[in-house]
N, C-alpha and C. Protein backbone atom coordinates (compact mmCIF):
# COMPACT_ATOMS: atom_id res chain seq x y z
N UNK A 1 7.98 -18.12 7.10
CA UNK A 1 8.97 -17.42 6.41
C UNK A 1 8.48 -15.75 6.07
N UNK A 2 9.09 -14.95 6.24
CA UNK A 2 8.45 -13.79 5.55
C UNK A 2 8.37 -12.92 4.69
N UNK A 3 7.78 -12.67 3.99
CA UNK A 3 7.77 -11.90 2.65
C UNK A 3 7.04 -10.78 2.69
N UNK A 4 7.10 -10.11 1.17
CA UNK A 4 6.85 -8.92 1.51
C UNK A 4 6.26 -8.72 -0.39
N UNK A 5 5.03 -7.75 -0.30
CA UNK A 5 4.04 -7.48 -1.16
C UNK A 5 3.94 -6.12 -1.53
N UNK A 6 3.86 -5.82 -2.53
CA UNK A 6 4.28 -4.35 -3.07
C UNK A 6 2.81 -4.01 -3.47
N UNK A 7 2.03 -2.75 -2.96
CA UNK A 7 1.40 -2.41 -3.79
C UNK A 7 1.05 -1.03 -4.00
N UNK A 8 0.39 -0.25 -4.59
CA UNK A 8 0.78 1.14 -5.37
C UNK A 8 -1.08 1.66 -5.74
N UNK A 9 -1.62 3.32 -5.44
CA UNK A 9 -2.19 3.75 -5.89
C UNK A 9 -1.85 5.12 -5.67
N UNK A 10 -3.50 5.88 -6.27
CA UNK A 10 -3.42 7.82 -6.87
C UNK A 10 -4.38 7.85 -6.24
N UNK A 11 -4.62 9.15 -5.83
CA UNK A 11 -5.55 9.74 -5.30
C UNK A 11 -5.89 10.84 -6.10
N UNK A 12 -6.96 12.17 -6.08
CA UNK A 12 -6.89 12.84 -7.01
C UNK A 12 -6.65 14.48 -6.36
N UNK A 13 -6.84 14.45 -4.71
CA UNK A 13 -6.42 15.56 -4.40
C UNK A 13 -6.20 14.91 -3.09
N UNK A 14 -5.52 16.17 -2.50
CA UNK A 14 -4.28 15.76 -1.08
C UNK A 14 -5.40 15.81 0.03
N UNK A 15 -6.27 15.15 0.22
CA UNK A 15 -7.45 15.37 1.42
C UNK A 15 -7.28 14.14 2.26
N UNK A 16 -7.72 14.31 3.77
CA UNK A 16 -7.40 12.81 4.41
C UNK A 16 -8.52 11.26 3.82
N UNK A 17 -9.93 12.65 3.73
CA UNK A 17 -10.52 11.09 3.48
C UNK A 17 -10.20 10.64 2.17
N UNK A 18 -9.81 11.44 1.08
CA UNK A 18 -9.06 10.54 -0.44
C UNK A 18 -8.05 9.72 0.02
N UNK A 19 -7.10 10.13 1.01
CA UNK A 19 -5.77 9.14 1.30
C UNK A 19 -6.36 8.13 1.65
N UNK A 20 -7.21 8.09 2.89
CA UNK A 20 -8.05 6.76 3.68
C UNK A 20 -8.73 5.94 2.77
N UNK A 21 -9.45 6.72 1.97
CA UNK A 21 -10.78 5.78 1.17
C UNK A 21 -9.39 5.23 0.08
N UNK A 22 -8.49 5.50 -0.49
CA UNK A 22 -7.71 4.84 -1.44
C UNK A 22 -6.60 3.75 -0.85
N UNK A 23 -5.93 4.30 0.63
CA UNK A 23 -5.51 3.13 1.13
C UNK A 23 -5.93 2.16 1.47
N UNK A 24 -7.29 2.07 2.26
CA UNK A 24 -8.34 0.91 2.56
C UNK A 24 -8.26 -0.03 1.79
N UNK A 25 -9.08 0.76 0.41
CA UNK A 25 -9.01 0.12 -1.03
C UNK A 25 -7.63 -0.61 -1.82
N UNK A 26 -6.78 -0.15 -1.03
CA UNK A 26 -5.90 -0.49 -1.41
C UNK A 26 -5.19 -1.87 -0.74
N UNK A 27 -5.22 -2.11 0.83
CA UNK A 27 -5.53 -2.95 1.68
C UNK A 27 -5.97 -4.15 1.62
N UNK A 28 -7.11 -3.67 1.72
CA UNK A 28 -8.34 -4.82 1.33
C UNK A 28 -7.56 -5.48 -0.03
N UNK A 29 -7.67 -4.85 -1.21
CA UNK A 29 -7.13 -5.92 -2.41
C UNK A 29 -6.19 -5.98 -2.33
N UNK A 30 -5.10 -6.25 -1.52
CA UNK A 30 -4.18 -6.26 -1.53
C UNK A 30 -4.18 -7.96 -0.26
N UNK A 31 -4.43 -8.05 0.54
CA UNK A 31 -5.32 -9.20 2.01
C UNK A 31 -6.10 -9.96 0.79
N UNK A 32 -7.28 -9.91 0.09
CA UNK A 32 -8.31 -10.72 -0.74
C UNK A 32 -7.40 -11.37 -1.43
N UNK A 33 -5.96 -10.72 -2.77
CA UNK A 33 -5.10 -11.39 -3.56
C UNK A 33 -4.88 -12.64 -3.39
N UNK A 34 -4.26 -11.85 -1.62
CA UNK A 34 -3.22 -12.92 -1.71
C UNK A 34 -3.18 -14.03 -0.13
N UNK A 35 -5.14 -13.83 -0.18
CA UNK A 35 -5.49 -14.70 0.88
C UNK A 35 -4.50 -14.52 2.69
N UNK A 36 -4.25 -13.53 2.36
CA UNK A 36 -3.91 -12.28 3.47
C UNK A 36 -5.01 -12.23 5.54
N UNK A 37 -5.17 -12.88 6.35
CA UNK A 37 -5.57 -12.25 7.69
C UNK A 37 -4.93 -11.41 8.10
N UNK A 38 -5.62 -10.28 8.30
CA UNK A 38 -4.98 -9.60 9.73
C UNK A 38 -3.24 -10.60 10.57
N UNK A 39 -3.55 -11.33 10.98
CA UNK A 39 -2.25 -11.58 11.98
C UNK A 39 -1.51 -12.19 11.20
N UNK A 40 -1.44 -12.22 10.10
CA UNK A 40 -0.24 -12.84 9.23
C UNK A 40 0.69 -11.62 8.28
N UNK A 41 -0.20 -10.12 8.69
CA UNK A 41 0.79 -8.98 8.88
C UNK A 41 1.48 -8.83 9.67
N UNK A 42 2.81 -8.96 9.93
CA UNK A 42 3.92 -8.48 10.44
C UNK A 42 4.43 -6.48 10.47
N UNK A 43 4.28 -6.33 8.63
CA UNK A 43 5.00 -4.55 9.28
C UNK A 43 4.03 -4.20 8.58
N UNK A 44 4.15 -2.90 8.24
CA UNK A 44 4.00 -2.35 6.51
C UNK A 44 4.14 -1.12 6.90
N UNK A 45 5.11 -0.69 5.45
CA UNK A 45 5.43 0.50 5.48
C UNK A 45 4.76 1.26 4.28
N UNK A 46 4.21 2.69 4.58
CA UNK A 46 3.09 3.67 3.35
C UNK A 46 4.85 4.05 2.94
N UNK A 47 4.81 4.51 1.62
CA UNK A 47 5.26 6.05 1.52
C UNK A 47 4.35 7.12 0.62
N UNK A 48 4.75 7.90 0.36
CA UNK A 48 3.44 8.93 -0.14
C UNK A 48 4.85 9.79 -0.94
N UNK A 49 4.25 10.40 -1.85
CA UNK A 49 4.72 11.74 -2.74
C UNK A 49 4.67 12.68 -2.12
N UNK A 50 5.39 13.75 -2.17
CA UNK A 50 6.00 14.96 -1.93
C UNK A 50 4.61 15.78 -1.57
N UNK A 51 3.71 15.70 -2.25
CA UNK A 51 2.12 16.53 -2.21
C UNK A 51 1.26 15.97 -1.81
N UNK A 52 1.69 14.97 -0.92
CA UNK A 52 0.73 13.92 -0.08
C UNK A 52 0.83 14.49 1.86
N UNK A 53 0.13 15.34 2.24
CA UNK A 53 0.49 15.60 3.44
C UNK A 53 -0.44 15.68 4.58
N UNK A 54 -2.00 15.02 3.52
CA UNK A 54 -3.13 15.52 4.57
C UNK A 54 -3.47 14.20 5.80
N UNK A 55 -2.95 13.49 5.96
CA UNK A 55 -2.78 12.39 6.90
C UNK A 55 -2.42 10.95 6.80
N UNK A 56 -1.87 10.63 7.82
CA UNK A 56 -1.10 9.34 7.65
C UNK A 56 -1.73 8.27 6.90
N UNK A 57 -0.93 7.46 5.71
CA UNK A 57 -2.15 6.14 5.24
C UNK A 57 -2.55 5.53 6.20
N UNK A 58 -1.33 5.47 7.63
CA UNK A 58 -1.03 4.18 8.00
C UNK A 58 -2.76 3.81 9.31
N UNK A 59 -3.53 5.49 9.51
CA UNK A 59 -4.61 5.82 10.39
C UNK A 59 -5.89 5.18 9.67
N UNK A 60 -5.70 4.66 7.73
CA UNK A 60 -6.64 3.69 7.21
C UNK A 60 -6.64 2.59 8.16
N UNK A 61 -5.63 1.73 8.14
CA UNK A 61 -5.24 0.41 8.71
C UNK A 61 -5.85 0.16 10.22
N UNK A 62 -5.14 1.51 10.79
CA UNK A 62 -5.59 1.82 11.81
C UNK A 62 -7.13 1.07 12.54
N UNK A 63 -8.03 2.36 11.28
CA UNK A 63 -9.07 2.18 11.21
C UNK A 63 -10.03 0.89 10.43
N UNK A 64 -9.32 -0.29 10.33
CA UNK A 64 -9.26 -1.03 9.74
C UNK A 64 -9.45 -2.67 10.61
N UNK A 65 -8.96 -1.82 11.73
CA UNK A 65 -8.80 -3.08 12.88
C UNK A 65 -7.56 -3.44 12.90
N UNK A 66 -6.58 -3.42 12.76
CA UNK A 66 -5.26 -3.48 12.66
C UNK A 66 -4.25 -2.31 13.45
N UNK A 67 -4.50 -2.55 14.82
CA UNK A 67 -4.04 -2.23 16.08
C UNK A 67 -2.76 -2.32 16.73
N UNK A 68 -2.78 -3.90 15.96
CA UNK A 68 -1.20 -4.40 16.65
C UNK A 68 -0.21 -4.77 15.73
N UNK A 69 -0.65 -4.45 14.47
CA UNK A 69 0.82 -4.20 13.71
C UNK A 69 1.91 -2.97 13.41
N UNK A 70 3.12 -3.43 13.01
CA UNK A 70 4.40 -2.20 12.89
C UNK A 70 3.74 -1.29 12.36
N UNK A 71 3.43 -0.32 11.65
CA UNK A 71 2.98 0.31 10.71
C UNK A 71 4.47 1.71 10.18
N UNK A 72 4.76 1.98 10.02
CA UNK A 72 5.67 3.30 9.14
C UNK A 72 4.90 4.24 7.70
N UNK A 73 5.12 5.45 8.26
CA UNK A 73 5.12 6.29 7.06
C UNK A 73 6.71 6.54 6.81
N UNK A 74 6.51 7.55 5.16
CA UNK A 74 7.21 8.17 4.73
C UNK A 74 7.19 8.84 3.77
N UNK A 75 8.30 9.57 3.09
CA UNK A 75 8.44 10.15 1.50
C UNK A 75 8.57 8.93 1.37
N UNK A 76 8.24 8.97 0.01
CA UNK A 76 8.61 8.58 -1.76
C UNK A 76 9.79 9.67 -1.92
N UNK A 77 10.57 9.10 -3.08
CA UNK A 77 12.00 10.26 -3.42
C UNK A 77 11.25 10.91 -4.56
N UNK A 78 11.09 11.92 -4.20
CA UNK A 78 10.75 12.95 -5.41
C UNK A 78 11.54 13.35 -6.88
N UNK A 79 11.30 12.58 -7.19
CA UNK A 79 12.30 11.88 -8.82
C UNK A 79 11.31 12.55 -10.00
N UNK A 80 11.93 13.64 -10.52
CA UNK A 80 11.23 14.06 -11.50
C UNK A 80 10.41 13.39 -12.83
N UNK A 81 9.02 13.82 -13.28
CA UNK A 81 8.60 13.43 -14.11
C UNK A 81 7.93 12.05 -13.19
N UNK A 82 8.12 11.84 -12.15
CA UNK A 82 7.54 11.21 -11.30
C UNK A 82 5.86 11.15 -11.38
N UNK A 83 5.62 10.28 -11.15
CA UNK A 83 3.97 9.89 -10.45
C UNK A 83 3.76 10.50 -9.48
N UNK A 84 2.76 11.37 -9.39
CA UNK A 84 2.13 11.96 -8.44
C UNK A 84 0.99 11.55 -7.83
N UNK A 85 0.95 12.38 -6.46
CA UNK A 85 -0.58 11.54 -5.29
C UNK A 85 -0.42 10.31 -5.59
N UNK A 86 0.57 9.61 -5.10
CA UNK A 86 0.80 8.69 -4.91
C UNK A 86 1.28 7.87 -3.54
N UNK A 87 0.63 6.24 -2.96
CA UNK A 87 0.41 6.54 -2.03
C UNK A 87 1.38 4.77 -2.29
N UNK A 88 2.19 4.15 -1.74
CA UNK A 88 2.69 2.87 -2.01
C UNK A 88 2.95 2.43 -0.33
N UNK A 89 2.79 0.82 -0.45
CA UNK A 89 3.12 -0.04 0.54
C UNK A 89 3.94 -0.98 0.28
N UNK A 90 4.71 -1.38 1.29
CA UNK A 90 5.14 -2.83 1.30
C UNK A 90 4.91 -3.02 3.01
N UNK A 91 4.41 -4.46 2.49
CA UNK A 91 3.56 -5.59 3.52
C UNK A 91 4.21 -6.32 3.50
N UNK A 92 4.82 -6.52 4.70
CA UNK A 92 5.69 -7.56 4.73
C UNK A 92 4.50 -8.98 5.70
N UNK A 93 4.70 -10.15 5.29
CA UNK A 93 3.95 -11.63 5.87
C UNK A 93 4.27 -12.30 6.15
N UNK A 94 3.90 -13.19 7.07
CA UNK A 94 4.06 -14.12 7.60
C UNK A 94 3.54 -15.40 6.24
N UNK A 95 3.99 -15.76 5.50
CA UNK A 95 3.52 -16.64 4.10
C UNK A 95 4.61 -18.19 4.07
N UNK A 96 3.80 -19.36 3.82
CA UNK A 96 4.29 -20.19 3.28
C UNK A 96 4.25 -20.55 1.96
N UNK A 97 3.89 -19.14 0.80
CA UNK A 97 3.83 -18.89 -0.57
C UNK A 97 5.56 -18.70 -0.84
N UNK A 98 5.69 -18.43 -1.87
CA UNK A 98 6.86 -18.58 -2.71
C UNK A 98 6.41 -16.84 -3.59
N UNK A 99 7.98 -16.23 -3.53
CA UNK A 99 7.36 -14.89 -3.78
C UNK A 99 6.88 -14.79 -5.45
N UNK A 100 6.90 -15.75 -6.42
CA UNK A 100 6.34 -16.21 -7.35
C UNK A 100 4.54 -16.41 -7.21
N UNK A 101 4.35 -17.06 -5.69
CA UNK A 101 3.24 -16.92 -5.96
C UNK A 101 2.36 -15.83 -5.45
N UNK A 102 3.21 -14.40 -5.02
CA UNK A 102 2.20 -13.48 -4.05
C UNK A 102 1.93 -12.28 -5.62
N UNK A 103 0.92 -11.61 -4.96
CA UNK A 103 0.24 -11.00 -6.10
C UNK A 103 -0.07 -9.07 -5.87
N UNK A 104 0.89 -8.59 -6.74
CA UNK A 104 1.16 -7.20 -6.53
C UNK A 104 -0.08 -6.63 -7.16
N UNK A 105 -0.46 -5.52 -5.99
CA UNK A 105 -1.78 -4.78 -6.47
C UNK A 105 -0.94 -3.59 -6.54
N UNK A 106 -1.58 -2.64 -8.32
CA UNK A 106 -1.24 -1.66 -8.58
C UNK A 106 -3.02 -1.36 -8.99
N UNK A 107 -3.41 -0.25 -8.48
CA UNK A 107 -4.96 -0.11 -8.33
C UNK A 107 -4.59 1.69 -9.58
N UNK A 108 -5.55 2.30 -10.02
CA UNK A 108 -5.51 2.93 -10.68
C UNK A 108 -4.10 3.76 -11.19
N UNK A 109 -4.19 5.24 -11.24
CA UNK A 109 -3.13 5.40 -12.23
C UNK A 109 -1.71 4.92 -11.93
N UNK A 110 -1.60 3.92 -11.09
CA UNK A 110 -0.40 2.93 -10.11
C UNK A 110 0.05 2.37 -11.18
N UNK A 111 -1.42 2.00 -11.94
CA UNK A 111 -0.99 0.93 -12.83
C UNK A 111 0.50 0.73 -14.08
N UNK A 112 0.28 1.94 -14.28
CA UNK A 112 1.40 2.44 -14.76
C UNK A 112 2.68 2.18 -14.07
N UNK A 113 3.07 2.62 -12.90
CA UNK A 113 4.17 1.72 -12.49
C UNK A 113 5.16 1.15 -12.50
N UNK A 114 4.06 -0.13 -12.41
CA UNK A 114 4.94 -1.53 -12.58
C UNK A 114 3.21 -2.66 -14.23
N UNK A 115 3.14 -1.78 -15.14
CA UNK A 115 2.33 -2.31 -15.98
C UNK A 115 2.84 -4.08 -15.78
N UNK A 116 3.46 -4.56 -15.46
CA UNK A 116 4.21 -5.84 -16.69
C UNK A 116 3.39 -6.84 -15.34
N UNK A 117 3.03 -5.93 -13.71
CA UNK A 117 2.28 -6.64 -12.62
C UNK A 117 0.71 -6.31 -12.43
N UNK A 118 0.38 -5.13 -12.97
CA UNK A 118 -0.76 -4.36 -13.04
C UNK A 118 -1.96 -5.69 -13.64
N UNK A 119 -3.31 -5.84 -12.26
CA UNK A 119 -4.03 -6.74 -13.37
C UNK A 119 -5.52 -5.85 -13.87
C-alpha cells in the first residue's frame, strides 16, 4: 500500500548549506522514526516558502544516495503571517503500516505548524 508521511523544518538563512543540512536532518529523522528504507520511498514532494531560493531541497536527498527516487520541488502558498524559511516534505512510501502508525516529523520552528504531532 502507498502511504504519505509529512514533515517540516525551518532554517535561519537562505543559503544552500542551510537548506541541505536541514533537509538531510529532516529526511533522516522521517526515515528513522518510521523504519523506512530508501527502496520503500516512491516519491517525495518538497515545498519551500517564498523566501527560500538558494537551493533545491531535493539535492540533499540525492546527496544521501537517493538517486532513483522521483522528487519535485515547489513553492508553498505565501499566506500572510505564515511561518517563514520553512521546508516541507511529503514522502510517499510503500508500507503495510496504517496511517495511525506513521509518524510525522516537525523540527525546529516548524513544530508550531502541528503542535499536536510534533514530538
